[in-house]
Amino acid sequence: MVDDHLEAGYLLSRLLRRGGYEVAELHDLDAVVETLTELDGSVAAIVATFTHAGAAASLHLLDALRNHVDPRLSSPRILLTADESRQQIFCLQAGADAVLLRPFTDVELTEAVDRMMARPERDRAAYRRIVIQRIKSENSSPLGEPVPWEPDDTLETPTGTSSYF
């Protein structure tokens, strides 16, 4: 469990322990790389939330692990949290195995980790492609552009006159 906010990391670690996972709490990228190296590839999954720094820090961690010279560091499954679907796409394109949008519940967190761990190795890349396509199809306009909105003259205000927001 990686979070740059001590209390948030502690609470999320407790949730994962309740879900039956053995958890180590870490708070920065260097600690993650050092710990993974010491544990000699025995870490199966990483959950990174970065409460303060946000999705950018999670992406930095993901990039550092997926492109590390030691192949043992690129093998753990990685779940990141994000604030919006655009970040979710970036995380998946960068190689995250799962992305959980904030806010989320304890059940959603443990279920997301369970699904990520149950997914066969051969399906990891295909899963990312499918989720990215689903997110893109749910968004009717290109990423980064506002969804067009046409004013509706039939909207009525409490006074009975039409109004635009």
N, C-alpha and C. Protein backbone atom coordinates (compact mmCIF):
# COMPACT_ATOMS: atom_id res chain seq x y z
N MET A 1 0.86 -1.16 0.00
CA MET A 1 0.00 0.00 0.00
C MET A 1 0.90 1.22 0.00
N VAL A 2 0.74 2.07 -1.00
CA VAL A 2 1.56 3.28 -1.09
C VAL A 2 0.64 4.50 -1.06
N ASP A 3 0.88 5.36 -0.08
CA ASP A 3 0.15 6.63 0.01
C ASP A 3 1.05 7.64 0.70
N ASP A 4 1.06 8.87 0.20
CA ASP A 4 1.90 9.90 0.79
C ASP A 4 1.23 10.59 1.98
N HIS A 5 0.06 10.14 2.36
CA HIS A 5 -0.65 10.65 3.53
C HIS A 5 -0.67 9.52 4.55
N LEU A 6 0.03 9.68 5.67
CA LEU A 6 0.19 8.59 6.63
C LEU A 6 -1.12 8.00 7.11
N GLU A 7 -2.07 8.87 7.50
CA GLU A 7 -3.33 8.36 8.04
C GLU A 7 -4.17 7.67 6.97
N ALA A 8 -4.20 8.23 5.77
CA ALA A 8 -4.96 7.60 4.68
C ALA A 8 -4.36 6.24 4.34
N GLY A 9 -3.04 6.18 4.28
CA GLY A 9 -2.37 4.91 4.00
C GLY A 9 -2.67 3.87 5.07
N TYR A 10 -2.68 4.30 6.32
CA TYR A 10 -2.99 3.40 7.43
C TYR A 10 -4.41 2.86 7.30
N LEU A 11 -5.37 3.74 7.04
CA LEU A 11 -6.77 3.31 6.94
C LEU A 11 -6.98 2.36 5.75
N LEU A 12 -6.40 2.70 4.61
CA LEU A 12 -6.55 1.83 3.44
C LEU A 12 -5.87 0.48 3.67
N SER A 13 -4.73 0.48 4.36
CA SER A 13 -4.06 -0.78 4.70
C SER A 13 -4.94 -1.65 5.59
N ARG A 14 -5.61 -1.02 6.55
CA ARG A 14 -6.52 -1.77 7.42
C ARG A 14 -7.65 -2.41 6.61
N LEU A 15 -8.19 -1.65 5.64
CA LEU A 15 -9.25 -2.19 4.80
C LEU A 15 -8.76 -3.41 4.01
N LEU A 16 -7.56 -3.31 3.48
CA LEU A 16 -7.01 -4.43 2.71
C LEU A 16 -6.72 -5.62 3.62
N ARG A 17 -6.24 -5.38 4.82
CA ARG A 17 -6.00 -6.48 5.77
C ARG A 17 -7.32 -7.18 6.11
N ARG A 18 -8.38 -6.39 6.31
CA ARG A 18 -9.70 -6.97 6.56
C ARG A 18 -10.15 -7.83 5.39
N GLY A 19 -9.72 -7.46 4.19
CA GLY A 19 -10.06 -8.25 3.00
C GLY A 19 -9.18 -9.48 2.84
N GLY A 20 -8.27 -9.72 3.78
CA GLY A 20 -7.45 -10.93 3.77
C GLY A 20 -6.07 -10.75 3.15
N TYR A 21 -5.66 -9.52 2.90
CA TYR A 21 -4.36 -9.29 2.28
C TYR A 21 -3.30 -8.96 3.32
N GLU A 22 -2.09 -9.43 3.07
CA GLU A 22 -0.93 -9.03 3.87
C GLU A 22 -0.44 -7.72 3.28
N VAL A 23 -0.27 -6.69 4.13
CA VAL A 23 -0.02 -5.35 3.62
C VAL A 23 1.21 -4.74 4.28
N ALA A 24 2.02 -4.09 3.46
CA ALA A 24 3.11 -3.24 3.94
C ALA A 24 2.76 -1.81 3.55
N GLU A 25 2.94 -0.88 4.48
CA GLU A 25 2.63 0.52 4.20
C GLU A 25 3.91 1.25 3.81
N LEU A 26 3.87 1.90 2.66
CA LEU A 26 5.00 2.70 2.17
C LEU A 26 4.48 4.08 1.81
N HIS A 27 5.40 5.06 1.74
CA HIS A 27 4.93 6.42 1.56
C HIS A 27 5.58 7.19 0.43
N ASP A 28 6.52 6.57 -0.30
CA ASP A 28 7.11 7.26 -1.44
C ASP A 28 7.74 6.27 -2.42
N LEU A 29 8.06 6.77 -3.59
CA LEU A 29 8.58 5.95 -4.69
C LEU A 29 9.86 5.23 -4.31
N ASP A 30 10.79 5.93 -3.68
CA ASP A 30 12.08 5.31 -3.32
C ASP A 30 11.88 4.14 -2.38
N ALA A 31 10.97 4.28 -1.42
CA ALA A 31 10.70 3.19 -0.48
C ALA A 31 10.11 1.98 -1.20
N VAL A 32 9.28 2.22 -2.20
CA VAL A 32 8.68 1.12 -2.96
C VAL A 32 9.76 0.36 -3.71
N VAL A 33 10.61 1.06 -4.42
CA VAL A 33 11.67 0.41 -5.20
C VAL A 33 12.62 -0.36 -4.28
N GLU A 34 13.00 0.26 -3.17
CA GLU A 34 13.90 -0.40 -2.22
C GLU A 34 13.26 -1.66 -1.63
N THR A 35 12.00 -1.56 -1.23
CA THR A 35 11.30 -2.70 -0.63
C THR A 35 11.12 -3.83 -1.64
N LEU A 36 10.74 -3.50 -2.86
CA LEU A 36 10.57 -4.54 -3.87
C LEU A 36 11.89 -5.24 -4.17
N THR A 37 12.97 -4.51 -4.17
CA THR A 37 14.28 -5.10 -4.41
C THR A 37 14.66 -6.04 -3.26
N GLU A 38 14.42 -5.61 -2.02
CA GLU A 38 14.74 -6.43 -0.85
C GLU A 38 13.89 -7.69 -0.78
N LEU A 39 12.63 -7.60 -1.20
CA LEU A 39 11.73 -8.74 -1.11
C LEU A 39 11.90 -9.73 -2.25
N ASP A 40 12.79 -9.44 -3.15
CA ASP A 40 13.19 -10.36 -4.21
C ASP A 40 12.01 -10.88 -5.04
N GLY A 41 11.13 -9.96 -5.44
CA GLY A 41 10.05 -10.33 -6.35
C GLY A 41 8.87 -11.05 -5.73
N SER A 42 8.78 -11.05 -4.39
CA SER A 42 7.68 -11.79 -3.76
C SER A 42 6.43 -10.94 -3.57
N VAL A 43 6.43 -9.70 -4.02
CA VAL A 43 5.25 -8.84 -3.89
C VAL A 43 4.34 -9.09 -5.09
N ALA A 44 3.09 -9.43 -4.81
CA ALA A 44 2.15 -9.75 -5.88
C ALA A 44 1.42 -8.53 -6.40
N ALA A 45 1.16 -7.55 -5.54
CA ALA A 45 0.36 -6.40 -5.97
C ALA A 45 0.75 -5.14 -5.20
N ILE A 46 0.51 -4.01 -5.85
CA ILE A 46 0.75 -2.71 -5.24
C ILE A 46 -0.53 -1.90 -5.43
N VAL A 47 -0.99 -1.28 -4.34
CA VAL A 47 -2.11 -0.35 -4.40
C VAL A 47 -1.53 1.02 -4.09
N ALA A 48 -1.64 1.95 -5.03
CA ALA A 48 -1.08 3.29 -4.86
C ALA A 48 -2.19 4.32 -4.93
N THR A 49 -2.29 5.15 -3.89
CA THR A 49 -3.34 6.16 -3.87
C THR A 49 -2.81 7.59 -3.91
N PHE A 50 -1.71 7.89 -3.24
CA PHE A 50 -1.11 9.22 -3.22
C PHE A 50 -2.17 10.31 -2.99
N THR A 51 -2.66 10.37 -1.77
CA THR A 51 -3.71 11.30 -1.39
C THR A 51 -3.32 12.76 -1.67
N HIS A 52 -2.10 13.14 -1.31
CA HIS A 52 -1.66 14.53 -1.51
C HIS A 52 -1.25 14.80 -2.95
N ALA A 53 -0.36 14.00 -3.48
CA ALA A 53 0.23 14.27 -4.80
C ALA A 53 -0.69 13.90 -5.96
N GLY A 54 -1.64 13.00 -5.75
CA GLY A 54 -2.61 12.66 -6.78
C GLY A 54 -2.11 11.67 -7.82
N ALA A 55 -2.83 11.62 -8.93
CA ALA A 55 -2.59 10.63 -9.97
C ALA A 55 -1.22 10.78 -10.61
N ALA A 56 -0.68 11.98 -10.66
CA ALA A 56 0.64 12.18 -11.27
C ALA A 56 1.70 11.38 -10.52
N ALA A 57 1.65 11.36 -9.21
CA ALA A 57 2.61 10.58 -8.42
C ALA A 57 2.42 9.09 -8.65
N SER A 58 1.16 8.66 -8.78
CA SER A 58 0.89 7.25 -9.06
C SER A 58 1.44 6.86 -10.42
N LEU A 59 1.27 7.73 -11.39
CA LEU A 59 1.81 7.46 -12.73
C LEU A 59 3.33 7.42 -12.72
N HIS A 60 3.94 8.27 -11.92
CA HIS A 60 5.40 8.28 -11.80
C HIS A 60 5.88 6.95 -11.21
N LEU A 61 5.19 6.48 -10.18
CA LEU A 61 5.51 5.19 -9.58
C LEU A 61 5.34 4.07 -10.61
N LEU A 62 4.23 4.08 -11.30
CA LEU A 62 3.95 3.06 -12.31
C LEU A 62 5.04 3.05 -13.38
N ASP A 63 5.41 4.21 -13.87
CA ASP A 63 6.45 4.31 -14.89
C ASP A 63 7.79 3.79 -14.37
N ALA A 64 8.13 4.15 -13.14
CA ALA A 64 9.40 3.71 -12.56
C ALA A 64 9.46 2.19 -12.43
N LEU A 65 8.34 1.57 -12.08
CA LEU A 65 8.32 0.12 -11.92
C LEU A 65 8.24 -0.62 -13.25
N ARG A 66 7.38 -0.16 -14.15
CA ARG A 66 7.21 -0.84 -15.43
C ARG A 66 8.45 -0.74 -16.32
N ASN A 67 9.29 0.28 -16.08
CA ASN A 67 10.48 0.48 -16.91
C ASN A 67 11.77 0.27 -16.14
N HIS A 68 11.71 -0.39 -15.00
CA HIS A 68 12.89 -0.62 -14.20
C HIS A 68 13.77 -1.70 -14.86
N VAL A 69 15.08 -1.58 -14.67
CA VAL A 69 16.00 -2.55 -15.28
C VAL A 69 15.85 -3.94 -14.67
N ASP A 70 15.39 -4.01 -13.44
CA ASP A 70 15.18 -5.30 -12.77
C ASP A 70 13.78 -5.78 -13.11
N PRO A 71 13.64 -6.84 -13.89
CA PRO A 71 12.31 -7.30 -14.31
C PRO A 71 11.40 -7.72 -13.16
N ARG A 72 11.96 -8.06 -12.01
CA ARG A 72 11.13 -8.43 -10.85
C ARG A 72 10.30 -7.26 -10.37
N LEU A 73 10.78 -6.04 -10.60
CA LEU A 73 10.05 -4.85 -10.14
C LEU A 73 8.91 -4.48 -11.07
N SER A 74 8.91 -4.98 -12.28
CA SER A 74 7.83 -4.66 -13.21
C SER A 74 6.72 -5.70 -13.21
N SER A 75 6.89 -6.78 -12.47
CA SER A 75 5.90 -7.85 -12.51
C SER A 75 4.70 -7.70 -11.58
N PRO A 76 4.79 -6.98 -10.44
CA PRO A 76 3.60 -6.91 -9.57
C PRO A 76 2.41 -6.26 -10.28
N ARG A 77 1.24 -6.71 -9.92
CA ARG A 77 0.03 -6.08 -10.42
C ARG A 77 -0.15 -4.77 -9.67
N ILE A 78 -0.60 -3.75 -10.38
CA ILE A 78 -0.66 -2.42 -9.79
C ILE A 78 -2.06 -1.83 -9.95
N LEU A 79 -2.67 -1.46 -8.82
CA LEU A 79 -3.94 -0.76 -8.80
C LEU A 79 -3.66 0.67 -8.39
N LEU A 80 -4.12 1.61 -9.20
CA LEU A 80 -3.97 3.04 -8.90
C LEU A 80 -5.35 3.63 -8.67
N THR A 81 -5.38 4.75 -7.96
CA THR A 81 -6.63 5.49 -7.82
C THR A 81 -6.51 6.77 -8.62
N ALA A 82 -7.64 7.25 -9.11
CA ALA A 82 -7.68 8.46 -9.93
C ALA A 82 -8.93 9.25 -9.60
N ASP A 83 -8.94 10.52 -10.01
CA ASP A 83 -10.07 11.38 -9.72
C ASP A 83 -11.05 11.52 -10.88
N GLU A 84 -10.63 11.18 -12.09
CA GLU A 84 -11.51 11.33 -13.24
C GLU A 84 -11.16 10.30 -14.31
N SER A 85 -12.07 10.09 -15.25
CA SER A 85 -11.87 9.04 -16.25
C SER A 85 -10.68 9.31 -17.15
N ARG A 86 -10.34 10.57 -17.39
CA ARG A 86 -9.18 10.87 -18.23
C ARG A 86 -7.92 10.33 -17.56
N GLN A 87 -7.79 10.52 -16.25
CA GLN A 87 -6.66 9.96 -15.52
C GLN A 87 -6.68 8.45 -15.56
N GLN A 88 -7.88 7.90 -15.52
CA GLN A 88 -8.02 6.44 -15.56
C GLN A 88 -7.44 5.90 -16.87
N ILE A 89 -7.72 6.56 -17.97
CA ILE A 89 -7.19 6.12 -19.27
C ILE A 89 -5.67 6.21 -19.29
N PHE A 90 -5.11 7.32 -18.81
CA PHE A 90 -3.65 7.48 -18.77
C PHE A 90 -3.01 6.37 -17.95
N CYS A 91 -3.59 6.06 -16.80
CA CYS A 91 -3.05 5.02 -15.94
C CYS A 91 -3.07 3.66 -16.63
N LEU A 92 -4.17 3.33 -17.26
CA LEU A 92 -4.28 2.05 -17.97
C LEU A 92 -3.31 1.99 -19.15
N GLN A 93 -3.20 3.07 -19.90
CA GLN A 93 -2.27 3.09 -21.02
C GLN A 93 -0.82 2.94 -20.56
N ALA A 94 -0.54 3.42 -19.36
CA ALA A 94 0.81 3.32 -18.82
C ALA A 94 1.11 1.95 -18.21
N GLY A 95 0.10 1.09 -18.11
CA GLY A 95 0.34 -0.27 -17.65
C GLY A 95 -0.27 -0.64 -16.32
N ALA A 96 -1.14 0.20 -15.75
CA ALA A 96 -1.82 -0.18 -14.51
C ALA A 96 -2.74 -1.37 -14.79
N ASP A 97 -2.84 -2.25 -13.83
CA ASP A 97 -3.71 -3.42 -13.98
C ASP A 97 -5.15 -3.10 -13.61
N ALA A 98 -5.35 -2.06 -12.83
CA ALA A 98 -6.70 -1.63 -12.46
C ALA A 98 -6.61 -0.19 -11.98
N VAL A 99 -7.70 0.54 -12.17
CA VAL A 99 -7.78 1.92 -11.70
C VAL A 99 -9.14 2.09 -11.04
N LEU A 100 -9.11 2.60 -9.84
CA LEU A 100 -10.32 2.80 -9.06
C LEU A 100 -10.55 4.31 -8.94
N LEU A 101 -11.72 4.76 -9.39
CA LEU A 101 -12.03 6.18 -9.33
C LEU A 101 -12.49 6.58 -7.92
N ARG A 102 -11.99 7.72 -7.46
CA ARG A 102 -12.41 8.26 -6.18
C ARG A 102 -13.75 8.94 -6.34
N PRO A 103 -14.57 8.99 -5.34
CA PRO A 103 -14.46 8.28 -4.07
C PRO A 103 -14.86 6.82 -4.24
N PHE A 104 -14.32 5.98 -3.40
CA PHE A 104 -14.65 4.56 -3.45
C PHE A 104 -14.88 4.05 -2.03
N THR A 105 -15.58 2.93 -1.94
CA THR A 105 -15.88 2.34 -0.64
C THR A 105 -14.85 1.26 -0.33
N ASP A 106 -14.87 0.79 0.90
CA ASP A 106 -13.98 -0.30 1.29
C ASP A 106 -14.27 -1.56 0.48
N VAL A 107 -15.53 -1.82 0.22
CA VAL A 107 -15.91 -2.99 -0.56
C VAL A 107 -15.40 -2.86 -2.00
N GLU A 108 -15.56 -1.68 -2.59
CA GLU A 108 -15.07 -1.47 -3.96
C GLU A 108 -13.56 -1.68 -4.04
N LEU A 109 -12.82 -1.21 -3.02
CA LEU A 109 -11.37 -1.38 -3.02
C LEU A 109 -10.99 -2.85 -2.97
N THR A 110 -11.53 -3.60 -2.02
CA THR A 110 -11.14 -5.01 -1.90
C THR A 110 -11.62 -5.82 -3.10
N GLU A 111 -12.80 -5.50 -3.64
CA GLU A 111 -13.27 -6.22 -4.83
C GLU A 111 -12.39 -5.92 -6.03
N ALA A 112 -11.93 -4.68 -6.17
CA ALA A 112 -11.05 -4.33 -7.29
C ALA A 112 -9.72 -5.08 -7.18
N VAL A 113 -9.18 -5.18 -5.97
CA VAL A 113 -7.93 -5.93 -5.78
C VAL A 113 -8.17 -7.42 -6.05
N ASP A 114 -9.29 -7.95 -5.56
CA ASP A 114 -9.62 -9.36 -5.80
C ASP A 114 -9.69 -9.66 -7.30
N ARG A 115 -10.41 -8.80 -8.05
CA ARG A 115 -10.54 -9.02 -9.50
C ARG A 115 -9.19 -8.91 -10.19
N MET A 116 -8.39 -7.94 -9.78
CA MET A 116 -7.08 -7.75 -10.38
C MET A 116 -6.20 -8.98 -10.15
N MET A 117 -6.23 -9.52 -8.95
CA MET A 117 -5.40 -10.68 -8.63
C MET A 117 -5.92 -11.95 -9.30
N ALA A 118 -7.22 -12.04 -9.53
CA ALA A 118 -7.79 -13.24 -10.16
C ALA A 118 -7.60 -13.25 -11.68
N ARG A 119 -7.34 -12.10 -12.27
CA ARG A 119 -7.20 -12.01 -13.72
C ARG A 119 -5.94 -12.76 -14.16
N PRO A 120 -6.06 -13.70 -15.10
CA PRO A 120 -4.88 -14.44 -15.57
C PRO A 120 -3.85 -13.49 -16.21
N GLU A 121 -2.60 -13.84 -16.05
CA GLU A 121 -1.50 -13.06 -16.62
C GLU A 121 -1.72 -12.75 -18.09
N ARG A 122 -2.17 -13.73 -18.85
CA ARG A 122 -2.34 -13.55 -20.30
C ARG A 122 -3.44 -12.54 -20.65
N ASP A 123 -4.32 -12.23 -19.69
CA ASP A 123 -5.44 -11.32 -19.96
C ASP A 123 -5.19 -9.88 -19.51
N ARG A 124 -4.04 -9.60 -18.91
CA ARG A 124 -3.80 -8.26 -18.35
C ARG A 124 -3.86 -7.17 -19.42
N ALA A 125 -3.15 -7.34 -20.51
CA ALA A 125 -3.13 -6.31 -21.57
C ALA A 125 -4.50 -6.19 -22.24
N ALA A 126 -5.16 -7.30 -22.50
CA ALA A 126 -6.48 -7.27 -23.13
C ALA A 126 -7.49 -6.55 -22.23
N TYR A 127 -7.42 -6.78 -20.94
CA TYR A 127 -8.30 -6.10 -20.00
C TYR A 127 -8.12 -4.59 -20.09
N ARG A 128 -6.87 -4.13 -20.11
CA ARG A 128 -6.62 -2.69 -20.20
C ARG A 128 -7.22 -2.12 -21.48
N ARG A 129 -7.04 -2.80 -22.60
CA ARG A 129 -7.60 -2.30 -23.87
C ARG A 129 -9.12 -2.23 -23.82
N ILE A 130 -9.76 -3.22 -23.26
CA ILE A 130 -11.23 -3.24 -23.18
C ILE A 130 -11.74 -2.11 -22.31
N VAL A 131 -11.12 -1.89 -21.17
CA VAL A 131 -11.57 -0.82 -20.26
C VAL A 131 -11.35 0.55 -20.91
N ILE A 132 -10.22 0.74 -21.56
CA ILE A 132 -9.97 2.02 -22.24
C ILE A 132 -11.03 2.27 -23.30
N GLN A 133 -11.35 1.27 -24.09
CA GLN A 133 -12.37 1.42 -25.13
C GLN A 133 -13.73 1.74 -24.52
N ARG A 134 -14.06 1.08 -23.41
CA ARG A 134 -15.35 1.34 -22.75
C ARG A 134 -15.42 2.78 -22.26
N ILE A 135 -14.35 3.27 -21.66
CA ILE A 135 -14.34 4.65 -21.16
C ILE A 135 -14.48 5.62 -22.31
N LYS A 136 -13.76 5.38 -23.38
CA LYS A 136 -13.84 6.28 -24.54
C LYS A 136 -15.23 6.28 -25.15
N SER A 137 -15.87 5.12 -25.21
CA SER A 137 -17.20 5.06 -25.81
C SER A 137 -18.24 5.73 -24.92
N GLU A 138 -18.01 5.76 -23.60
CA GLU A 138 -18.93 6.43 -22.70
C GLU A 138 -18.83 7.95 -22.79
N ASN A 139 -17.71 8.43 -23.29
CA ASN A 139 -17.48 9.87 -23.42
C ASN A 139 -17.75 10.25 -24.87
N SER A 140 -18.76 11.04 -25.12
CA SER A 140 -19.18 11.34 -26.49
C SER A 140 -18.30 12.36 -27.20
N SER A 141 -17.40 13.03 -26.49
CA SER A 141 -16.51 13.97 -27.14
C SER A 141 -15.07 13.58 -26.85
N PRO A 142 -14.12 14.05 -27.67
CA PRO A 142 -12.72 13.72 -27.43
C PRO A 142 -12.29 14.17 -26.04
N LEU A 143 -11.33 13.43 -25.49
CA LEU A 143 -10.84 13.77 -24.16
C LEU A 143 -10.30 15.19 -24.14
N GLY A 144 -10.57 15.88 -23.08
CA GLY A 144 -10.07 17.23 -22.90
C GLY A 144 -10.99 18.30 -23.46
N GLU A 145 -11.96 17.94 -24.28
CA GLU A 145 -12.89 18.92 -24.82
C GLU A 145 -14.21 18.83 -24.07
N PRO A 146 -14.85 19.95 -23.83
CA PRO A 146 -16.13 19.89 -23.12
C PRO A 146 -17.20 19.21 -23.97
N VAL A 147 -18.08 18.52 -23.31
CA VAL A 147 -19.20 17.90 -24.01
C VAL A 147 -20.13 19.02 -24.47
N PRO A 148 -20.47 19.07 -25.77
CA PRO A 148 -21.34 20.15 -26.26
C PRO A 148 -22.68 20.14 -25.53
N TRP A 149 -23.20 21.33 -25.28
CA TRP A 149 -24.48 21.44 -24.61
C TRP A 149 -25.32 22.47 -25.35
N GLU A 150 -26.51 22.09 -25.68
CA GLU A 150 -27.45 22.98 -26.35
C GLU A 150 -28.46 23.45 -25.32
N PRO A 151 -28.68 24.78 -25.21
CA PRO A 151 -29.70 25.24 -24.26
C PRO A 151 -31.08 24.73 -24.66
N ASP A 152 -31.86 24.41 -23.68
CA ASP A 152 -33.20 23.89 -23.91
C ASP A 152 -34.21 24.97 -23.53
N ASP A 153 -34.89 25.53 -24.54
CA ASP A 153 -35.85 26.60 -24.29
C ASP A 153 -37.06 26.14 -23.49
N THR A 154 -37.21 24.83 -23.34
CA THR A 154 -38.38 24.34 -22.62
C THR A 154 -38.15 24.27 -21.12
N LEU A 155 -36.92 24.52 -20.67
CA LEU A 155 -36.67 24.48 -19.23
C LEU A 155 -37.44 25.61 -18.56
N GLU A 156 -38.08 25.29 -17.49
CA GLU A 156 -38.88 26.29 -16.78
C GLU A 156 -38.27 26.55 -15.41
N THR A 157 -38.22 27.79 -15.02
CA THR A 157 -37.79 28.15 -13.68
C THR A 157 -39.03 28.16 -12.79
N PRO A 158 -38.86 28.23 -11.50
CA PRO A 158 -40.04 28.26 -10.62
C PRO A 158 -41.01 29.40 -10.95
N THR A 159 -40.52 30.48 -11.57
CA THR A 159 -41.41 31.60 -11.89
C THR A 159 -42.14 31.37 -13.20
N GLY A 160 -41.81 30.31 -13.93
CA GLY A 160 -42.50 30.00 -15.17
C GLY A 160 -41.83 30.55 -16.40
N THR A 161 -40.71 31.23 -16.28
CA THR A 161 -40.01 31.75 -17.46
C THR A 161 -38.84 30.84 -17.78
N SER A 162 -38.47 30.77 -19.06
CA SER A 162 -37.33 29.91 -19.40
C SER A 162 -36.03 30.61 -19.01
N SER A 163 -35.05 29.80 -18.71
CA SER A 163 -33.78 30.35 -18.23
C SER A 163 -32.64 29.42 -18.63
N TYR A 164 -31.48 30.01 -18.82
CA TYR A 164 -30.27 29.23 -19.07
C TYR A 164 -29.42 29.24 -17.81
N PHE A 165 -28.72 28.16 -17.59
CA PHE A 165 -27.91 28.08 -16.38
C PHE A 165 -26.59 28.73 -16.65
